[in-house]
Amino acid sequence: MKKYFILKLDSYEGEGSSLTVDVDGSDSMYVVLNIEGSSAEIVDWGYPTVDDLLAAWDNVTFENMGEFK
């Protein structure tokens, strides 16, 4: 069974790694994480706000929606 989660990604700089995120000038973005069995995959990304993500994914119930209300 597929489960969907909202995940926030922030830019960071570490010693051995880094991640640069830029959505409309912001250094964070919201993505859709799909978990099925023991596999996880980001299936959509690039949303500047949770509201934008929810508008695009209005046919899905997110398991962690309560964290973003």
N, C-alpha and C. Protein backbone atom coordinates (compact mmCIF):
# COMPACT_ATOMS: atom_id res chain seq x y z
N MET A 1 0.84 -1.19 0.00
CA MET A 1 0.00 0.00 0.00
C MET A 1 0.89 1.25 0.00
N LYS A 2 0.58 2.17 -0.87
CA LYS A 2 1.34 3.42 -0.96
C LYS A 2 0.88 4.39 0.13
N LYS A 3 1.86 5.03 0.75
CA LYS A 3 1.59 6.08 1.72
C LYS A 3 2.33 7.33 1.27
N TYR A 4 1.69 8.47 1.44
CA TYR A 4 2.27 9.73 1.01
C TYR A 4 2.54 10.63 2.21
N PHE A 5 3.68 11.31 2.16
CA PHE A 5 4.10 12.22 3.21
C PHE A 5 4.57 13.53 2.60
N ILE A 6 4.40 14.62 3.33
CA ILE A 6 4.97 15.91 2.97
C ILE A 6 6.32 16.00 3.66
N LEU A 7 7.32 16.39 2.91
CA LEU A 7 8.67 16.52 3.45
C LEU A 7 9.20 17.90 3.09
N LYS A 8 9.79 18.57 4.07
CA LYS A 8 10.40 19.87 3.81
C LYS A 8 11.91 19.68 3.66
N LEU A 9 12.47 20.17 2.58
CA LEU A 9 13.90 20.13 2.35
C LEU A 9 14.47 21.54 2.50
N ASP A 10 15.53 21.64 3.28
CA ASP A 10 16.21 22.92 3.48
C ASP A 10 17.63 22.82 2.93
N SER A 11 18.14 23.91 2.40
CA SER A 11 19.54 23.96 1.97
C SER A 11 20.44 23.79 3.18
N TYR A 12 21.59 23.14 2.97
CA TYR A 12 22.57 23.04 4.04
C TYR A 12 23.95 22.84 3.45
N GLU A 13 24.95 23.14 4.25
CA GLU A 13 26.36 22.92 3.91
C GLU A 13 26.97 22.09 5.02
N GLY A 14 27.47 20.91 4.70
CA GLY A 14 28.12 20.07 5.68
C GLY A 14 29.57 19.85 5.31
N GLU A 15 30.28 19.07 6.11
CA GLU A 15 31.69 18.80 5.81
C GLU A 15 31.85 17.99 4.54
N GLY A 16 31.05 16.95 4.41
CA GLY A 16 31.21 16.07 3.26
C GLY A 16 30.06 16.10 2.28
N SER A 17 29.09 16.96 2.53
CA SER A 17 27.94 17.02 1.63
C SER A 17 27.27 18.38 1.72
N SER A 18 26.43 18.65 0.75
CA SER A 18 25.64 19.88 0.78
C SER A 18 24.40 19.68 -0.08
N LEU A 19 23.42 20.52 0.15
CA LEU A 19 22.20 20.51 -0.64
C LEU A 19 21.80 21.95 -0.87
N THR A 20 21.61 22.32 -2.12
CA THR A 20 21.17 23.66 -2.45
C THR A 20 19.74 23.58 -2.97
N VAL A 21 18.86 24.31 -2.32
CA VAL A 21 17.45 24.35 -2.68
C VAL A 21 17.10 25.79 -3.00
N ASP A 22 16.39 26.01 -4.10
CA ASP A 22 15.96 27.36 -4.47
C ASP A 22 14.62 27.29 -5.16
N VAL A 23 13.59 27.77 -4.47
CA VAL A 23 12.25 27.84 -5.06
C VAL A 23 11.75 29.26 -4.83
N ASP A 24 11.59 29.98 -5.88
CA ASP A 24 11.12 31.37 -5.79
C ASP A 24 11.96 32.19 -4.81
N GLY A 25 13.27 31.95 -4.79
CA GLY A 25 14.16 32.70 -3.94
C GLY A 25 14.28 32.19 -2.51
N SER A 26 13.54 31.14 -2.16
CA SER A 26 13.60 30.57 -0.82
C SER A 26 14.60 29.41 -0.80
N ASP A 27 15.25 29.20 0.35
CA ASP A 27 16.22 28.11 0.45
C ASP A 27 15.61 26.85 1.06
N SER A 28 14.27 26.71 0.92
CA SER A 28 13.60 25.48 1.32
C SER A 28 12.47 25.19 0.33
N MET A 29 12.05 23.93 0.29
CA MET A 29 10.94 23.53 -0.57
C MET A 29 10.22 22.36 0.05
N TYR A 30 9.01 22.13 -0.41
CA TYR A 30 8.21 20.99 0.03
C TYR A 30 8.14 19.98 -1.09
N VAL A 31 8.22 18.70 -0.71
CA VAL A 31 8.22 17.62 -1.68
C VAL A 31 7.22 16.55 -1.24
N VAL A 32 6.85 15.68 -2.18
CA VAL A 32 5.97 14.55 -1.90
C VAL A 32 6.82 13.30 -1.81
N LEU A 33 6.76 12.65 -0.66
CA LEU A 33 7.49 11.41 -0.42
C LEU A 33 6.50 10.27 -0.46
N ASN A 34 6.79 9.25 -1.28
CA ASN A 34 5.95 8.06 -1.39
C ASN A 34 6.68 6.90 -0.74
N ILE A 35 6.01 6.22 0.17
CA ILE A 35 6.57 5.03 0.80
C ILE A 35 5.68 3.85 0.46
N GLU A 36 6.32 2.82 -0.06
CA GLU A 36 5.60 1.59 -0.40
C GLU A 36 6.47 0.42 0.05
N GLY A 37 5.97 -0.34 1.02
CA GLY A 37 6.77 -1.42 1.58
C GLY A 37 8.00 -0.85 2.27
N SER A 38 9.17 -1.32 1.87
CA SER A 38 10.42 -0.83 2.47
C SER A 38 11.13 0.19 1.58
N SER A 39 10.44 0.71 0.57
CA SER A 39 11.03 1.68 -0.36
C SER A 39 10.42 3.06 -0.16
N ALA A 40 11.27 4.07 -0.28
CA ALA A 40 10.82 5.47 -0.21
C ALA A 40 11.36 6.21 -1.42
N GLU A 41 10.54 7.09 -1.98
CA GLU A 41 10.95 7.83 -3.17
C GLU A 41 10.28 9.20 -3.16
N ILE A 42 11.06 10.23 -3.46
CA ILE A 42 10.48 11.56 -3.69
C ILE A 42 9.89 11.54 -5.09
N VAL A 43 8.57 11.73 -5.18
CA VAL A 43 7.89 11.61 -6.47
C VAL A 43 7.51 12.96 -7.09
N ASP A 44 7.61 14.04 -6.31
CA ASP A 44 7.34 15.36 -6.85
C ASP A 44 7.99 16.38 -5.92
N TRP A 45 8.49 17.47 -6.48
CA TRP A 45 9.23 18.44 -5.68
C TRP A 45 9.10 19.82 -6.28
N GLY A 46 9.55 20.81 -5.52
CA GLY A 46 9.61 22.17 -6.04
C GLY A 46 8.49 23.07 -5.58
N TYR A 47 7.79 22.71 -4.50
CA TYR A 47 6.69 23.55 -4.02
C TYR A 47 7.18 24.53 -2.96
N PRO A 48 6.92 25.81 -3.15
CA PRO A 48 7.39 26.81 -2.18
C PRO A 48 6.60 26.80 -0.88
N THR A 49 5.35 26.32 -0.91
CA THR A 49 4.52 26.27 0.29
C THR A 49 3.75 24.95 0.34
N VAL A 50 3.30 24.60 1.53
CA VAL A 50 2.47 23.41 1.70
C VAL A 50 1.16 23.59 0.94
N ASP A 51 0.60 24.79 0.96
CA ASP A 51 -0.66 25.05 0.24
C ASP A 51 -0.51 24.78 -1.25
N ASP A 52 0.61 25.17 -1.84
CA ASP A 52 0.85 24.89 -3.27
C ASP A 52 0.91 23.39 -3.52
N LEU A 53 1.59 22.67 -2.64
CA LEU A 53 1.69 21.22 -2.78
C LEU A 53 0.31 20.57 -2.67
N LEU A 54 -0.46 20.99 -1.68
CA LEU A 54 -1.79 20.41 -1.48
C LEU A 54 -2.74 20.71 -2.64
N ALA A 55 -2.61 21.87 -3.24
CA ALA A 55 -3.45 22.21 -4.39
C ALA A 55 -3.15 21.29 -5.56
N ALA A 56 -1.88 20.94 -5.75
CA ALA A 56 -1.49 20.07 -6.86
C ALA A 56 -1.81 18.60 -6.57
N TRP A 57 -1.82 18.22 -5.31
CA TRP A 57 -2.03 16.83 -4.90
C TRP A 57 -3.34 16.70 -4.11
N ASP A 58 -4.41 17.30 -4.61
CA ASP A 58 -5.68 17.31 -3.88
C ASP A 58 -6.40 15.97 -3.86
N ASN A 59 -5.89 14.97 -4.58
CA ASN A 59 -6.52 13.66 -4.62
C ASN A 59 -5.82 12.65 -3.70
N VAL A 60 -4.88 13.11 -2.87
CA VAL A 60 -4.07 12.24 -2.03
C VAL A 60 -4.26 12.63 -0.56
N THR A 61 -4.29 11.64 0.32
CA THR A 61 -4.29 11.88 1.75
C THR A 61 -2.87 11.71 2.27
N PHE A 62 -2.35 12.73 2.91
CA PHE A 62 -0.99 12.69 3.44
C PHE A 62 -1.01 12.20 4.88
N GLU A 63 -0.15 11.25 5.18
CA GLU A 63 -0.08 10.63 6.49
C GLU A 63 0.31 11.61 7.59
N ASN A 64 1.10 12.62 7.27
CA ASN A 64 1.60 13.57 8.27
C ASN A 64 1.02 14.96 8.11
N MET A 65 -0.17 15.06 7.58
CA MET A 65 -0.80 16.37 7.33
C MET A 65 -0.90 17.19 8.62
N GLY A 66 -1.12 16.54 9.75
CA GLY A 66 -1.27 17.24 11.01
C GLY A 66 -0.05 18.06 11.40
N GLU A 67 1.12 17.68 10.92
CA GLU A 67 2.35 18.41 11.22
C GLU A 67 2.42 19.75 10.51
N PHE A 68 1.60 19.95 9.50
CA PHE A 68 1.69 21.15 8.66
C PHE A 68 0.45 22.04 8.76
N LYS A 69 -0.43 21.78 9.71
CA LYS A 69 -1.62 22.62 9.87
C LYS A 69 -1.41 23.64 10.94
